[in-house]
């Protein structure tokens, strides 16, 4: 095996520890932002759902709709955050760079 070939796992580890560009990419990853918003709104709906009156439950055909919607949003938000943490954007960028995938013809801008 030639010495200039590197292990993609080492590249991914270096990218995770990488410079400020990769740390910023992870910090502003949309999966984490959207997940955080879903968790926040889900928690609010759970609190509201626990305090629903009988009249509000009767309006929703006997279903604790705020509670169920809050639980669903909380689960979805947790899934988004877990996805962002378990597969960071910096790792995906490093893998794409190691594979030589620079977007190809589909990602290229006209005239660039």
PDB file of N, CA and C in Angstrom:
ATOM      1  N   UNK A   1       0.850  -1.166   0.000  1.00  0.00           N
ATOM      2  CA  UNK A   1       0.000   0.000   0.000  1.00  0.00           C
ATOM      3  C   UNK A   1       0.902   1.237   0.000  1.00  0.00           C
ATOM      4  N   UNK A   2       0.659   2.168  -0.918  1.00  0.00           N
ATOM      5  CA  UNK A   2       1.507   3.360  -0.981  1.00  0.00           C
ATOM      6  C   UNK A   2       1.384   4.193   0.287  1.00  0.00           C
ATOM      7  N   UNK A   3       2.474   4.898   0.598  1.00  0.00           N
ATOM      8  CA  UNK A   3       2.501   5.683   1.819  1.00  0.00           C
ATOM      9  C   UNK A   3       1.644   6.939   1.724  1.00  0.00           C
ATOM     10  N   UNK A   4       1.362   7.417   0.503  1.00  0.00           N
ATOM     11  CA  UNK A   4       0.575   8.632   0.381  1.00  0.00           C
ATOM     12  C   UNK A   4      -0.917   8.381   0.585  1.00  0.00           C
ATOM     13  N   UNK A   5      -1.340   7.103   0.619  1.00  0.00           N
ATOM     14  CA  UNK A   5      -2.744   6.772   0.868  1.00  0.00           C
ATOM     15  C   UNK A   5      -2.991   6.805   2.370  1.00  0.00           C
ATOM     16  N   UNK A   6      -4.099   7.453   2.777  1.00  0.00           N
ATOM     17  CA  UNK A   6      -4.411   7.579   4.197  1.00  0.00           C
ATOM     18  C   UNK A   6      -5.685   6.824   4.505  1.00  0.00           C
ATOM     19  N   UNK A   7      -5.821   6.467   5.742  1.00  0.00           N
ATOM     20  CA  UNK A   7      -7.015   5.782   6.215  1.00  0.00           C
ATOM     21  C   UNK A   7      -8.163   6.789   6.339  1.00  0.00           C
ATOM     22  N   UNK A   8      -9.327   6.527   5.734  1.00  0.00           N
ATOM     23  CA  UNK A   8     -10.451   7.461   5.838  1.00  0.00           C
ATOM     24  C   UNK A   8     -10.925   7.673   7.272  1.00  0.00           C
ATOM     25  N   UNK A   9     -10.757   6.654   8.126  1.00  0.00           N
ATOM     26  CA  UNK A   9     -11.147   6.814   9.526  1.00  0.00           C
ATOM     27  C   UNK A   9     -10.272   7.855  10.227  1.00  0.00           C
ATOM     28  N   UNK A  10      -8.983   7.885   9.885  1.00  0.00           N
ATOM     29  CA  UNK A  10      -8.100   8.893  10.460  1.00  0.00           C
ATOM     30  C   UNK A  10      -8.483  10.281   9.965  1.00  0.00           C
ATOM     31  N   UNK A  11      -8.848  10.388   8.687  1.00  0.00           N
ATOM     32  CA  UNK A  11      -9.283  11.680   8.150  1.00  0.00           C
ATOM     33  C   UNK A  11     -10.550  12.156   8.842  1.00  0.00           C
ATOM     34  N   UNK A  12     -11.474  11.247   9.086  1.00  0.00           N
ATOM     35  CA  UNK A  12     -12.730  11.611   9.757  1.00  0.00           C
ATOM     36  C   UNK A  12     -12.457  12.051  11.194  1.00  0.00           C
ATOM     37  N   UNK A  13     -11.514  11.364  11.861  1.00  0.00           N
ATOM     38  CA  UNK A  13     -11.182  11.742  13.238  1.00  0.00           C
ATOM     39  C   UNK A  13     -10.534  13.128  13.267  1.00  0.00           C
ATOM     40  N   UNK A  14      -9.671  13.401  12.298  1.00  0.00           N
ATOM     41  CA  UNK A  14      -9.043  14.717  12.239  1.00  0.00           C
ATOM     42  C   UNK A  14     -10.066  15.793  11.914  1.00  0.00           C
ATOM     43  N   UNK A  15     -11.044  15.462  11.073  1.00  0.00           N
ATOM     44  CA  UNK A  15     -12.067  16.446  10.717  1.00  0.00           C
ATOM     45  C   UNK A  15     -12.954  16.764  11.902  1.00  0.00           C
ATOM     46  N   UNK A  16     -13.211  15.771  12.736  1.00  0.00           N
ATOM     47  CA  UNK A  16     -14.030  16.009  13.916  1.00  0.00           C
ATOM     48  C   UNK A  16     -13.305  16.944  14.870  1.00  0.00           C
ATOM     49  N   UNK A  17     -11.999  16.784  14.955  1.00  0.00           N
ATOM     50  CA  UNK A  17     -11.210  17.663  15.809  1.00  0.00           C
ATOM     51  C   UNK A  17     -10.784  18.911  15.043  1.00  0.00           C
ATOM     52  N   UNK A  18     -11.167  19.002  13.770  1.00  0.00           N
ATOM     53  CA  UNK A  18     -10.677  19.981  12.814  1.00  0.00           C
ATOM     54  C   UNK A  18     -10.734  21.422  13.241  1.00  0.00           C
ATOM     55  N   UNK A  19     -10.456  22.255  12.269  1.00  0.00           N
ATOM     56  CA  UNK A  19     -10.344  23.676  12.494  1.00  0.00           C
ATOM     57  C   UNK A  19     -11.674  24.354  12.750  1.00  0.00           C
ATOM     58  N   UNK A  20     -11.626  25.674  12.812  1.00  0.00           N
ATOM     59  CA  UNK A  20     -12.828  26.438  13.131  1.00  0.00           C
ATOM     60  C   UNK A  20     -13.929  26.304  12.087  1.00  0.00           C
ATOM     61  N   UNK A  21     -13.559  26.043  10.807  1.00  0.00           N
ATOM     62  CA  UNK A  21     -14.586  25.890   9.781  1.00  0.00           C
ATOM     63  C   UNK A  21     -15.454  24.674  10.054  1.00  0.00           C
ATOM     64  N   UNK A  22     -14.823  23.567  10.426  1.00  0.00           N
ATOM     65  CA  UNK A  22     -15.577  22.346  10.689  1.00  0.00           C
ATOM     66  C   UNK A  22     -16.350  22.443  11.997  1.00  0.00           C
ATOM     67  N   UNK A  23     -15.808  23.121  12.983  1.00  0.00           N
ATOM     68  CA  UNK A  23     -16.544  23.314  14.228  1.00  0.00           C
ATOM     69  C   UNK A  23     -17.758  24.191  14.004  1.00  0.00           C
ATOM     70  N   UNK A  24     -17.625  25.205  13.157  1.00  0.00           N
ATOM     71  CA  UNK A  24     -18.767  26.062  12.827  1.00  0.00           C
ATOM     72  C   UNK A  24     -19.802  25.290  12.038  1.00  0.00           C
ATOM     73  N   UNK A  25     -19.357  24.402  11.156  1.00  0.00           N
ATOM     74  CA  UNK A  25     -20.296  23.582  10.388  1.00  0.00           C
ATOM     75  C   UNK A  25     -21.108  22.705  11.331  1.00  0.00           C
ATOM     76  N   UNK A  26     -20.470  22.159  12.350  1.00  0.00           N
ATOM     77  CA  UNK A  26     -21.193  21.333  13.316  1.00  0.00           C
ATOM     78  C   UNK A  26     -22.117  22.174  14.186  1.00  0.00           C
ATOM     79  N   UNK A  27     -21.677  23.348  14.581  1.00  0.00           N
ATOM     80  CA  UNK A  27     -22.481  24.191  15.468  1.00  0.00           C
ATOM     81  C   UNK A  27     -23.749  24.672  14.777  1.00  0.00           C
ATOM     82  N   UNK A  28     -23.672  24.950  13.484  1.00  0.00           N
ATOM     83  CA  UNK A  28     -24.818  25.470  12.757  1.00  0.00           C
ATOM     84  C   UNK A  28     -25.452  24.416  11.858  1.00  0.00           C
ATOM     85  N   UNK A  29     -25.279  23.150  12.205  1.00  0.00           N
ATOM     86  CA  UNK A  29     -25.905  22.063  11.468  1.00  0.00           C
ATOM     87  C   UNK A  29     -27.423  22.174  11.639  1.00  0.00           C
ATOM     88  N   UNK A  30     -28.152  22.210  10.544  1.00  0.00           N
ATOM     89  CA  UNK A  30     -29.601  22.395  10.607  1.00  0.00           C
ATOM     90  C   UNK A  30     -30.313  21.283  11.360  1.00  0.00           C
ATOM     91  N   UNK A  31     -29.747  20.086  11.354  1.00  0.00           N
ATOM     92  CA  UNK A  31     -30.376  18.985  12.090  1.00  0.00           C
ATOM     93  C   UNK A  31     -30.430  19.297  13.582  1.00  0.00           C
ATOM     94  N   UNK A  32     -29.376  19.917  14.099  1.00  0.00           N
ATOM     95  CA  UNK A  32     -29.348  20.262  15.525  1.00  0.00           C
ATOM     96  C   UNK A  32     -30.281  21.426  15.829  1.00  0.00           C
ATOM     97  N   UNK A  33     -30.315  22.414  14.955  1.00  0.00           N
ATOM     98  CA  UNK A  33     -31.169  23.574  15.181  1.00  0.00           C
ATOM     99  C   UNK A  33     -32.640  23.183  15.113  1.00  0.00           C
ATOM    100  N   UNK A  34     -33.021  22.458  14.072  1.00  0.00           N
ATOM    101  CA  UNK A  34     -34.410  22.016  13.924  1.00  0.00           C
ATOM    102  C   UNK A  34     -34.781  21.079  15.059  1.00  0.00           C
ATOM    103  N   UNK A  35     -33.885  20.174  15.421  1.00  0.00           N
ATOM    104  CA  UNK A  35     -34.150  19.265  16.533  1.00  0.00           C
ATOM    105  C   UNK A  35     -34.355  20.013  17.840  1.00  0.00           C
ATOM    106  N   UNK A  36     -33.543  21.025  18.077  1.00  0.00           N
ATOM    107  CA  UNK A  36     -33.698  21.821  19.301  1.00  0.00           C
ATOM    108  C   UNK A  36     -35.029  22.538  19.353  1.00  0.00           C
ATOM    109  N   UNK A  37     -35.459  23.079  18.209  1.00  0.00           N
ATOM    110  CA  UNK A  37     -36.762  23.746  18.170  1.00  0.00           C
ATOM    111  C   UNK A  37     -37.904  22.761  18.410  1.00  0.00           C
ATOM    112  N   UNK A  38     -37.824  21.582  17.813  1.00  0.00           N
ATOM    113  CA  UNK A  38     -38.854  20.572  18.044  1.00  0.00           C
ATOM    114  C   UNK A  38     -38.895  20.151  19.507  1.00  0.00           C
ATOM    115  N   UNK A  39     -37.731  19.992  20.125  1.00  0.00           N
ATOM    116  CA  UNK A  39     -37.691  19.627  21.545  1.00  0.00           C
ATOM    117  C   UNK A  39     -38.300  20.734  22.396  1.00  0.00           C
ATOM    118  N   UNK A  40     -37.956  21.985  22.101  1.00  0.00           N
ATOM    119  CA  UNK A  40     -38.489  23.117  22.859  1.00  0.00           C
ATOM    120  C   UNK A  40     -40.008  23.198  22.741  1.00  0.00           C
ATOM    121  N   UNK A  41     -40.520  23.198  21.517  1.00  0.00           N
ATOM    122  CA  UNK A  41     -41.966  23.292  21.322  1.00  0.00           C
ATOM    123  C   UNK A  41     -42.683  22.044  21.826  1.00  0.00           C
ATOM    124  N   UNK A  42     -42.055  20.898  21.707  1.00  0.00           N
ATOM    125  CA  UNK A  42     -42.643  19.669  22.249  1.00  0.00           C
ATOM    126  C   UNK A  42     -42.774  19.734  23.760  1.00  0.00           C
ATOM    127  N   UNK A  43     -41.747  20.249  24.432  1.00  0.00           N
ATOM    128  CA  UNK A  43     -41.805  20.377  25.891  1.00  0.00           C
ATOM    129  C   UNK A  43     -42.904  21.354  26.308  1.00  0.00           C
ATOM    130  N   UNK A  44     -43.047  22.444  25.558  1.00  0.00           N
ATOM    131  CA  UNK A  44     -44.113  23.409  25.863  1.00  0.00           C
ATOM    132  C   UNK A  44     -45.478  22.757  25.698  1.00  0.00           C
ATOM    133  N   UNK A  45     -45.668  22.006  24.621  1.00  0.00           N
ATOM    134  CA  UNK A  45     -46.956  21.346  24.404  1.00  0.00           C
ATOM    135  C   UNK A  45     -47.242  20.274  25.453  1.00  0.00           C
ATOM    136  N   UNK A  46     -46.220  19.604  25.928  1.00  0.00           N
ATOM    137  CA  UNK A  46     -46.433  18.607  26.982  1.00  0.00           C
ATOM    138  C   UNK A  46     -46.918  19.284  28.253  1.00  0.00           C
ATOM    139  N   UNK A  47     -46.295  20.394  28.612  1.00  0.00           N
ATOM    140  CA  UNK A  47     -46.721  21.132  29.809  1.00  0.00           C
ATOM    141  C   UNK A  47     -48.160  21.610  29.647  1.00  0.00           C
ATOM    142  N   UNK A  48     -48.490  22.158  28.476  1.00  0.00           N
ATOM    143  CA  UNK A  48     -49.856  22.617  28.220  1.00  0.00           C
ATOM    144  C   UNK A  48     -50.818  21.436  28.221  1.00  0.00           C
ATOM    145  N   UNK A  49     -50.408  20.323  27.640  1.00  0.00           N
ATOM    146  CA  UNK A  49     -51.266  19.144  27.552  1.00  0.00           C
ATOM    147  C   UNK A  49     -51.578  18.530  28.896  1.00  0.00           C
ATOM    148  N   UNK A  50     -50.615  18.583  29.811  1.00  0.00           N
ATOM    149  CA  UNK A  50     -50.866  18.044  31.155  1.00  0.00           C
ATOM    150  C   UNK A  50     -51.895  18.903  31.882  1.00  0.00           C
ATOM    151  N   UNK A  51     -51.907  20.205  31.591  1.00  0.00           N
ATOM    152  CA  UNK A  51     -52.828  21.111  32.264  1.00  0.00           C
ATOM    153  C   UNK A  51     -54.128  21.360  31.517  1.00  0.00           C
ATOM    154  N   UNK A  52     -54.406  20.594  30.470  1.00  0.00           N
ATOM    155  CA  UNK A  52     -55.644  20.788  29.711  1.00  0.00           C
ATOM    156  C   UNK A  52     -56.872  20.558  30.584  1.00  0.00           C
ATOM    157  N   UNK A  53     -57.875  21.399  30.394  1.00  0.00           N
ATOM    158  CA  UNK A  53     -59.134  21.235  31.134  1.00  0.00           C
ATOM    159  C   UNK A  53     -60.016  20.203  30.417  1.00  0.00           C
ATOM    160  N   UNK A  54     -61.061  19.789  31.094  1.00  0.00           N
ATOM    161  CA  UNK A  54     -61.980  18.823  30.505  1.00  0.00           C
ATOM    162  C   UNK A  54     -62.672  19.401  29.278  1.00  0.00           C
ATOM    163  N   UNK A  55     -62.946  20.704  29.290  1.00  0.00           N
ATOM    164  CA  UNK A  55     -63.598  21.343  28.148  1.00  0.00           C
ATOM    165  C   UNK A  55     -62.686  21.314  26.916  1.00  0.00           C
ATOM    166  N   UNK A  56     -61.382  21.554  27.107  1.00  0.00           N
ATOM    167  CA  UNK A  56     -60.441  21.519  25.985  1.00  0.00           C
ATOM    168  C   UNK A  56     -60.296  20.098  25.449  1.00  0.00           C
ATOM    169  N   UNK A  57     -60.303  19.116  26.315  1.00  0.00           N
ATOM    170  CA  UNK A  57     -60.210  17.725  25.889  1.00  0.00           C
ATOM    171  C   UNK A  57     -61.477  17.327  25.141  1.00  0.00           C
ATOM    172  N   UNK A  58     -62.633  17.804  25.595  1.00  0.00           N
ATOM    173  CA  UNK A  58     -63.897  17.503  24.926  1.00  0.00           C
ATOM    174  C   UNK A  58     -63.915  18.116  23.519  1.00  0.00           C
ATOM    175  N   UNK A  59     -63.319  19.313  23.348  1.00  0.00           N
ATOM    176  CA  UNK A  59     -63.251  19.936  22.020  1.00  0.00           C
ATOM    177  C   UNK A  59     -62.420  19.096  21.061  1.00  0.00           C
ATOM    178  N   UNK A  60     -61.483  18.346  21.574  1.00  0.00           N
ATOM    179  CA  UNK A  60     -60.601  17.521  20.744  1.00  0.00           C
ATOM    180  C   UNK A  60     -61.082  16.076  20.688  1.00  0.00           C
ATOM    181  N   UNK A  61     -62.391  15.879  20.846  1.00  0.00           N
ATOM    182  CA  UNK A  61     -63.013  14.548  20.756  1.00  0.00           C
ATOM    183  C   UNK A  61     -62.459  13.591  21.814  1.00  0.00           C
ATOM    184  N   UNK A  62     -62.138  14.119  22.976  1.00  0.00           N
ATOM    185  CA  UNK A  62     -61.691  13.283  24.083  1.00  0.00           C
ATOM    186  C   UNK A  62     -60.225  12.894  24.035  1.00  0.00           C
ATOM    187  N   UNK A  63     -59.465  13.478  23.139  1.00  0.00           N
ATOM    188  CA  UNK A  63     -58.044  13.146  22.992  1.00  0.00           C
ATOM    189  C   UNK A  63     -57.209  14.261  23.615  1.00  0.00           C
ATOM    190  N   UNK A  64     -56.205  13.902  24.357  1.00  0.00           N
ATOM    191  CA  UNK A  64     -55.254  14.884  24.905  1.00  0.00           C
ATOM    192  C   UNK A  64     -54.311  15.294  23.771  1.00  0.00           C
ATOM    193  N   UNK A  65     -54.826  16.084  22.831  1.00  0.00           N
ATOM    194  CA  UNK A  65     -54.095  16.379  21.597  1.00  0.00           C
ATOM    195  C   UNK A  65     -52.799  17.132  21.854  1.00  0.00           C
ATOM    196  N   UNK A  66     -52.805  18.070  22.799  1.00  0.00           N
ATOM    197  CA  UNK A  66     -51.566  18.805  23.089  1.00  0.00           C
ATOM    198  C   UNK A  66     -50.505  17.876  23.661  1.00  0.00           C
ATOM    199  N   UNK A  67     -50.904  16.970  24.505  1.00  0.00           N
ATOM    200  CA  UNK A  67     -49.958  16.029  25.099  1.00  0.00           C
ATOM    201  C   UNK A  67     -49.371  15.099  24.038  1.00  0.00           C
ATOM    202  N   UNK A  68     -50.228  14.532  23.192  1.00  0.00           N
ATOM    203  CA  UNK A  68     -49.751  13.614  22.158  1.00  0.00           C
ATOM    204  C   UNK A  68     -48.885  14.330  21.120  1.00  0.00           C
ATOM    205  N   UNK A  69     -49.308  15.520  20.720  1.00  0.00           N
ATOM    206  CA  UNK A  69     -48.500  16.282  19.754  1.00  0.00           C
ATOM    207  C   UNK A  69     -47.153  16.656  20.374  1.00  0.00           C
ATOM    208  N   UNK A  70     -47.156  17.028  21.651  1.00  0.00           N
ATOM    209  CA  UNK A  70     -45.907  17.358  22.336  1.00  0.00           C
ATOM    210  C   UNK A  70     -44.970  16.169  22.425  1.00  0.00           C
ATOM    211  N   UNK A  71     -45.516  15.006  22.736  1.00  0.00           N
ATOM    212  CA  UNK A  71     -44.684  13.802  22.795  1.00  0.00           C
ATOM    213  C   UNK A  71     -44.102  13.454  21.429  1.00  0.00           C
ATOM    214  N   UNK A  72     -44.925  13.607  20.385  1.00  0.00           N
ATOM    215  CA  UNK A  72     -44.435  13.346  19.031  1.00  0.00           C
ATOM    216  C   UNK A  72     -43.337  14.313  18.629  1.00  0.00           C
ATOM    217  N   UNK A  73     -43.540  15.588  18.948  1.00  0.00           N
ATOM    218  CA  UNK A  73     -42.527  16.588  18.610  1.00  0.00           C
ATOM    219  C   UNK A  73     -41.249  16.373  19.405  1.00  0.00           C
ATOM    220  N   UNK A  74     -41.394  15.980  20.654  1.00  0.00           N
ATOM    221  CA  UNK A  74     -40.222  15.704  21.480  1.00  0.00           C
ATOM    222  C   UNK A  74     -39.423  14.530  20.911  1.00  0.00           C
ATOM    223  N   UNK A  75     -40.123  13.475  20.493  1.00  0.00           N
ATOM    224  CA  UNK A  75     -39.439  12.312  19.911  1.00  0.00           C
ATOM    225  C   UNK A  75     -38.752  12.676  18.597  1.00  0.00           C
ATOM    226  N   UNK A  76     -39.429  13.445  17.747  1.00  0.00           N
ATOM    227  CA  UNK A  76     -38.840  13.845  16.475  1.00  0.00           C
ATOM    228  C   UNK A  76     -37.617  14.737  16.695  1.00  0.00           C
ATOM    229  N   UNK A  77     -37.727  15.676  17.629  1.00  0.00           N
ATOM    230  CA  UNK A  77     -36.588  16.538  17.932  1.00  0.00           C
ATOM    231  C   UNK A  77     -35.403  15.760  18.472  1.00  0.00           C
ATOM    232  N   UNK A  78     -35.678  14.784  19.337  1.00  0.00           N
ATOM    233  CA  UNK A  78     -34.595  13.948  19.870  1.00  0.00           C
ATOM    234  C   UNK A  78     -33.937  13.146  18.754  1.00  0.00           C
ATOM    235  N   UNK A  79     -34.735  12.673  17.789  1.00  0.00           N
ATOM    236  CA  UNK A  79     -34.170  11.925  16.662  1.00  0.00           C
ATOM    237  C   UNK A  79     -33.274  12.820  15.804  1.00  0.00           C
ATOM    238  N   UNK A  80     -33.699  14.061  15.556  1.00  0.00           N
ATOM    239  CA  UNK A  80     -32.878  14.987  14.778  1.00  0.00           C
ATOM    240  C   UNK A  80     -31.570  15.285  15.500  1.00  0.00           C
ATOM    241  N   UNK A  81     -31.641  15.528  16.789  1.00  0.00           N
ATOM    242  CA  UNK A  81     -30.424  15.840  17.543  1.00  0.00           C
ATOM    243  C   UNK A  81     -29.493  14.633  17.584  1.00  0.00           C
ATOM    244  N   UNK A  82     -30.048  13.443  17.799  1.00  0.00           N
ATOM    245  CA  UNK A  82     -29.226  12.227  17.811  1.00  0.00           C
ATOM    246  C   UNK A  82     -28.561  12.022  16.455  1.00  0.00           C
ATOM    247  N   UNK A  83     -29.302  12.252  15.388  1.00  0.00           N
ATOM    248  CA  UNK A  83     -28.750  12.120  14.040  1.00  0.00           C
ATOM    249  C   UNK A  83     -27.587  13.094  13.849  1.00  0.00           C
ATOM    250  N   UNK A  84     -27.754  14.319  14.281  1.00  0.00           N
ATOM    251  CA  UNK A  84     -26.693  15.315  14.153  1.00  0.00           C
ATOM    252  C   UNK A  84     -25.478  14.999  14.998  1.00  0.00           C
ATOM    253  N   UNK A  85     -25.689  14.397  16.172  1.00  0.00           N
ATOM    254  CA  UNK A  85     -24.565  14.080  17.050  1.00  0.00           C
ATOM    255  C   UNK A  85     -23.862  12.788  16.650  1.00  0.00           C
ATOM    256  N   UNK A  86     -24.631  11.799  16.197  1.00  0.00           N
ATOM    257  CA  UNK A  86     -24.034  10.510  15.848  1.00  0.00           C
ATOM    258  C   UNK A  86     -23.325  10.550  14.494  1.00  0.00           C
ATOM    259  N   UNK A  87     -23.761  11.416  13.615  1.00  0.00           N
ATOM    260  CA  UNK A  87     -23.118  11.560  12.305  1.00  0.00           C
ATOM    261  C   UNK A  87     -22.881  13.043  12.039  1.00  0.00           C
ATOM    262  N   UNK A  88     -21.827  13.607  12.644  1.00  0.00           N
ATOM    263  CA  UNK A  88     -21.562  15.037  12.503  1.00  0.00           C
ATOM    264  C   UNK A  88     -21.276  15.431  11.056  1.00  0.00           C
ATOM    265  N   UNK A  89     -21.593  16.658  10.751  1.00  0.00           N
ATOM    266  CA  UNK A  89     -21.389  17.170   9.404  1.00  0.00           C
ATOM    267  C   UNK A  89     -19.916  17.157   9.024  1.00  0.00           C
ATOM    268  N   UNK A  90     -19.041  17.402   9.979  1.00  0.00           N
ATOM    269  CA  UNK A  90     -17.607  17.408   9.674  1.00  0.00           C
ATOM    270  C   UNK A  90     -17.144  16.033   9.216  1.00  0.00           C
ATOM    271  N   UNK A  91     -17.709  14.970   9.765  1.00  0.00           N
ATOM    272  CA  UNK A  91     -17.355  13.617   9.348  1.00  0.00           C
ATOM    273  C   UNK A  91     -17.825  13.368   7.928  1.00  0.00           C
ATOM    274  N   UNK A  92     -19.041  13.815   7.615  1.00  0.00           N
ATOM    275  CA  UNK A  92     -19.564  13.643   6.262  1.00  0.00           C
ATOM    276  C   UNK A  92     -18.725  14.425   5.255  1.00  0.00           C
ATOM    277  N   UNK A  93     -18.308  15.639   5.616  1.00  0.00           N
ATOM    278  CA  UNK A  93     -17.471  16.435   4.724  1.00  0.00           C
ATOM    279  C   UNK A  93     -16.118  15.767   4.506  1.00  0.00           C
ATOM    280  N   UNK A  94     -15.551  15.208   5.566  1.00  0.00           N
ATOM    281  CA  UNK A  94     -14.250  14.542   5.445  1.00  0.00           C
ATOM    282  C   UNK A  94     -14.361  13.297   4.578  1.00  0.00           C
ATOM    283  N   UNK A  95     -15.452  12.540   4.730  1.00  0.00           N
ATOM    284  CA  UNK A  95     -15.642  11.344   3.917  1.00  0.00           C
ATOM    285  C   UNK A  95     -15.817  11.706   2.451  1.00  0.00           C
ATOM    286  N   UNK A  96     -16.553  12.777   2.182  1.00  0.00           N
ATOM    287  CA  UNK A  96     -16.747  13.204   0.798  1.00  0.00           C
ATOM    288  C   UNK A  96     -15.432  13.662   0.186  1.00  0.00           C
ATOM    289  N   UNK A  97     -14.614  14.354   0.980  1.00  0.00           N
ATOM    290  CA  UNK A  97     -13.320  14.816   0.483  1.00  0.00           C
ATOM    291  C   UNK A  97     -12.380  13.640   0.246  1.00  0.00           C
ATOM    292  N   UNK A  98     -12.412  12.653   1.142  1.00  0.00           N
ATOM    293  CA  UNK A  98     -11.547  11.491   0.991  1.00  0.00           C
ATOM    294  C   UNK A  98     -11.942  10.667  -0.231  1.00  0.00           C
ATOM    295  N   UNK A  99     -13.230  10.650  -0.540  1.00  0.00           N
ATOM    296  CA  UNK A  99     -13.706   9.902  -1.694  1.00  0.00           C
ATOM    297  C   UNK A  99     -13.476  10.666  -2.991  1.00  0.00           C
ATOM    298  N   UNK A 100     -13.070  11.923  -2.877  1.00  0.00           N
ATOM    299  CA  UNK A 100     -12.840  12.730  -4.060  1.00  0.00           C
ATOM    300  C   UNK A 100     -14.129  13.266  -4.649  1.00  0.00           C
ATOM    301  N   UNK A 101     -15.192  13.267  -3.854  1.00  0.00           N
ATOM    302  CA  UNK A 101     -16.501  13.737  -4.311  1.00  0.00           C
ATOM    303  C   UNK A 101     -16.580  15.235  -4.064  1.00  0.00           C
ATOM    304  N   UNK A 102     -16.424  16.009  -5.149  1.00  0.00           N
ATOM    305  CA  UNK A 102     -16.503  17.456  -5.015  1.00  0.00           C
ATOM    306  C   UNK A 102     -17.790  18.000  -5.597  1.00  0.00           C
ATOM    307  N   UNK A 103     -18.814  17.195  -5.702  1.00  0.00           N
ATOM    308  CA  UNK A 103     -20.092  17.647  -6.213  1.00  0.00           C
ATOM    309  C   UNK A 103     -20.299  17.258  -7.659  1.00  0.00           C
ATOM    310  N   UNK A 104     -19.243  17.024  -8.407  1.00  0.00           N
ATOM    311  CA  UNK A 104     -19.354  16.609  -9.791  1.00  0.00           C
ATOM    312  C   UNK A 104     -20.053  17.645 -10.653  1.00  0.00           C
ATOM    313  N   UNK A 105     -20.585  17.184 -11.763  1.00  0.00           N
ATOM    314  CA  UNK A 105     -21.245  18.091 -12.705  1.00  0.00           C
ATOM    315  C   UNK A 105     -22.558  18.593 -12.150  1.00  0.00           C
ATOM    316  N   UNK A 106     -23.216  17.812 -11.304  1.00  0.00           N
ATOM    317  CA  UNK A 106     -24.510  18.214 -10.759  1.00  0.00           C
ATOM    318  C   UNK A 106     -24.358  19.390  -9.800  1.00  0.00           C
ATOM    319  N   UNK A 107     -23.279  19.405  -9.014  1.00  0.00           N
ATOM    320  CA  UNK A 107     -23.107  20.453  -8.024  1.00  0.00           C
ATOM    321  C   UNK A 107     -22.349  21.669  -8.539  1.00  0.00           C
ATOM    322  N   UNK A 108     -21.856  21.580  -9.771  1.00  0.00           N
ATOM    323  CA  UNK A 108     -21.058  22.681 -10.288  1.00  0.00           C
ATOM    324  C   UNK A 108     -21.950  23.842 -10.718  1.00  0.00           C
ATOM    325  N   UNK A 109     -21.436  25.042 -10.501  1.00  0.00           N
ATOM    326  CA  UNK A 109     -22.159  26.237 -10.935  1.00  0.00           C
ATOM    327  C   UNK A 109     -21.811  26.515 -12.388  1.00  0.00           C
ATOM    328  N   UNK A 110     -22.763  26.999 -13.146  1.00  0.00           N
ATOM    329  CA  UNK A 110     -22.442  27.346 -14.533  1.00  0.00           C
ATOM    330  C   UNK A 110     -21.460  28.510 -14.573  1.00  0.00           C
ATOM    331  N   UNK A 111     -20.503  28.391 -15.430  1.00  0.00           N
ATOM    332  CA  UNK A 111     -19.522  29.454 -15.612  1.00  0.00           C
ATOM    333  C   UNK A 111     -18.441  29.467 -14.554  1.00  0.00           C
ATOM    334  N   UNK A 112     -18.432  28.497 -13.658  1.00  0.00           N
ATOM    335  CA  UNK A 112     -17.422  28.473 -12.605  1.00  0.00           C
ATOM    336  C   UNK A 112     -16.275  27.585 -12.997  1.00  0.00           C
TER     337      UNK A 112
END
